[in-house]
Amino acid sequence: MSDQHIDPAGNTQQFRAFAQRNEQEIAPKKRSAVLPIIAIVLGIAIVGVVAYLLLK
């Protein structure tokens, strides 16, 4: 009896769809990590400017 299971890795179109889907899912995760860092840096800068103006 032959094996009825077809390996999806053997199909180039399915592999390309899989690879493109993963790249699209990873990209937003990288961008979302940058926003909190920018917010923290801006917060520190604002606190520094306010402290400088108050102590001047």
N, C-alpha and C. Protein backbone atom coordinates (compact mmCIF):
# COMPACT_ATOMS: atom_id res chain seq x y z
N MET A 1 0.84 -1.16 0.00
CA MET A 1 0.00 0.00 0.00
C MET A 1 0.89 1.24 0.00
N SER A 2 0.60 2.19 -0.88
CA SER A 2 1.43 3.38 -0.98
C SER A 2 1.04 4.41 0.08
N ASP A 3 1.99 5.26 0.40
CA ASP A 3 1.75 6.31 1.40
C ASP A 3 0.96 7.44 0.75
N GLN A 4 -0.19 7.79 1.32
CA GLN A 4 -1.05 8.82 0.76
C GLN A 4 -0.66 10.23 1.23
N HIS A 5 0.27 10.31 2.17
CA HIS A 5 0.70 11.61 2.70
C HIS A 5 1.66 12.27 1.70
N ILE A 6 1.34 13.50 1.31
CA ILE A 6 2.20 14.26 0.40
C ILE A 6 2.94 15.30 1.23
N ASP A 7 4.25 15.31 1.10
CA ASP A 7 5.07 16.24 1.87
C ASP A 7 4.92 17.66 1.32
N PRO A 8 4.39 18.62 2.10
CA PRO A 8 4.22 19.99 1.60
C PRO A 8 5.56 20.68 1.32
N ALA A 9 6.64 20.21 1.90
CA ALA A 9 7.94 20.82 1.64
C ALA A 9 8.39 20.54 0.20
N GLY A 10 7.81 19.54 -0.42
CA GLY A 10 8.15 19.23 -1.79
C GLY A 10 7.51 20.17 -2.78
N ASN A 11 6.54 20.95 -2.37
CA ASN A 11 5.85 21.88 -3.24
C ASN A 11 6.47 23.27 -3.07
N THR A 12 7.05 23.80 -4.12
CA THR A 12 7.75 25.08 -4.06
C THR A 12 6.81 26.23 -3.72
N GLN A 13 5.62 26.23 -4.26
CA GLN A 13 4.69 27.31 -3.99
C GLN A 13 4.28 27.33 -2.52
N GLN A 14 4.05 26.18 -1.95
CA GLN A 14 3.68 26.13 -0.54
C GLN A 14 4.84 26.58 0.34
N PHE A 15 6.07 26.20 -0.05
CA PHE A 15 7.23 26.62 0.74
C PHE A 15 7.41 28.14 0.66
N ARG A 16 7.26 28.71 -0.52
CA ARG A 16 7.39 30.16 -0.65
C ARG A 16 6.33 30.89 0.15
N ALA A 17 5.11 30.39 0.14
CA ALA A 17 4.04 31.00 0.93
C ALA A 17 4.36 30.91 2.42
N PHE A 18 4.91 29.78 2.85
CA PHE A 18 5.30 29.62 4.24
C PHE A 18 6.42 30.59 4.62
N ALA A 19 7.42 30.70 3.77
CA ALA A 19 8.55 31.59 4.05
C ALA A 19 8.12 33.05 4.08
N GLN A 20 7.28 33.46 3.16
CA GLN A 20 6.82 34.85 3.13
C GLN A 20 5.92 35.15 4.32
N ARG A 21 5.12 34.22 4.72
CA ARG A 21 4.22 34.42 5.86
C ARG A 21 5.04 34.63 7.13
N ASN A 22 6.10 33.86 7.32
CA ASN A 22 6.93 34.00 8.51
C ASN A 22 7.65 35.34 8.53
N GLU A 23 8.13 35.82 7.40
CA GLU A 23 8.81 37.11 7.35
C GLU A 23 7.85 38.23 7.71
N GLN A 24 6.61 38.14 7.27
CA GLN A 24 5.63 39.17 7.56
C GLN A 24 5.23 39.15 9.03
N GLU A 25 5.24 37.99 9.67
CA GLU A 25 4.88 37.91 11.08
C GLU A 25 6.02 38.40 11.97
N ILE A 26 7.26 38.20 11.55
CA ILE A 26 8.41 38.59 12.36
C ILE A 26 8.64 40.09 12.29
N ALA A 27 8.43 40.70 11.14
CA ALA A 27 8.71 42.12 10.96
C ALA A 27 7.97 43.01 11.94
N PRO A 28 6.67 42.86 12.16
CA PRO A 28 6.00 43.73 13.14
C PRO A 28 6.53 43.55 14.56
N LYS A 29 6.97 42.37 14.92
CA LYS A 29 7.50 42.14 16.25
C LYS A 29 8.78 42.93 16.45
N LYS A 30 9.61 43.04 15.44
CA LYS A 30 10.84 43.82 15.56
C LYS A 30 10.52 45.30 15.71
N ARG A 31 9.56 45.80 14.96
CA ARG A 31 9.20 47.20 15.05
C ARG A 31 8.58 47.52 16.41
N SER A 32 7.79 46.62 16.96
CA SER A 32 7.13 46.89 18.22
C SER A 32 8.13 46.98 19.37
N ALA A 33 9.29 46.37 19.26
CA ALA A 33 10.31 46.44 20.30
C ALA A 33 11.03 47.79 20.26
N VAL A 34 11.01 48.46 19.14
CA VAL A 34 11.70 49.73 19.00
C VAL A 34 10.90 50.86 19.64
N LEU A 35 9.59 50.82 19.56
CA LEU A 35 8.76 51.90 20.09
C LEU A 35 8.95 52.12 21.59
N PRO A 36 8.97 51.10 22.43
CA PRO A 36 9.20 51.35 23.86
C PRO A 36 10.58 51.95 24.13
N ILE A 37 11.57 51.55 23.37
CA ILE A 37 12.91 52.10 23.56
C ILE A 37 12.92 53.58 23.23
N ILE A 38 12.28 53.95 22.13
CA ILE A 38 12.20 55.37 21.75
C ILE A 38 11.44 56.15 22.82
N ALA A 39 10.36 55.59 23.33
CA ALA A 39 9.57 56.27 24.36
C ALA A 39 10.40 56.48 25.63
N ILE A 40 11.19 55.51 26.02
CA ILE A 40 12.03 55.63 27.22
C ILE A 40 13.09 56.70 27.02
N VAL A 41 13.74 56.70 25.85
CA VAL A 41 14.77 57.70 25.56
C VAL A 41 14.17 59.10 25.56
N LEU A 42 13.01 59.27 24.94
CA LEU A 42 12.36 60.58 24.94
C LEU A 42 11.95 60.99 26.35
N GLY A 43 11.46 60.06 27.13
CA GLY A 43 11.09 60.37 28.51
C GLY A 43 12.28 60.83 29.33
N ILE A 44 13.40 60.16 29.18
CA ILE A 44 14.61 60.56 29.90
C ILE A 44 15.07 61.94 29.44
N ALA A 45 14.99 62.21 28.14
CA ALA A 45 15.39 63.51 27.62
C ALA A 45 14.48 64.61 28.17
N ILE A 46 13.19 64.36 28.21
CA ILE A 46 12.25 65.37 28.72
C ILE A 46 12.51 65.63 30.21
N VAL A 47 12.71 64.59 30.98
CA VAL A 47 13.01 64.74 32.41
C VAL A 47 14.32 65.52 32.58
N GLY A 48 15.30 65.24 31.76
CA GLY A 48 16.57 65.95 31.84
C GLY A 48 16.41 67.43 31.53
N VAL A 49 15.64 67.77 30.51
CA VAL A 49 15.41 69.17 30.16
C VAL A 49 14.65 69.89 31.27
N VAL A 50 13.62 69.24 31.81
CA VAL A 50 12.85 69.86 32.89
C VAL A 50 13.74 70.06 34.12
N ALA A 51 14.55 69.08 34.47
CA ALA A 51 15.44 69.21 35.62
C ALA A 51 16.45 70.33 35.39
N TYR A 52 16.99 70.43 34.19
CA TYR A 52 17.93 71.49 33.88
C TYR A 52 17.26 72.87 34.01
N LEU A 53 16.06 73.02 33.51
CA LEU A 53 15.36 74.30 33.59
C LEU A 53 15.01 74.66 35.04
N LEU A 54 14.65 73.66 35.84
CA LEU A 54 14.30 73.94 37.23
C LEU A 54 15.53 74.30 38.07
N LEU A 55 16.67 73.72 37.76
CA LEU A 55 17.88 73.97 38.53
C LEU A 55 18.67 75.18 38.03
N LYS A 56 18.28 75.72 36.94
CA LYS A 56 18.99 76.86 36.34
C LYS A 56 18.76 78.13 37.09
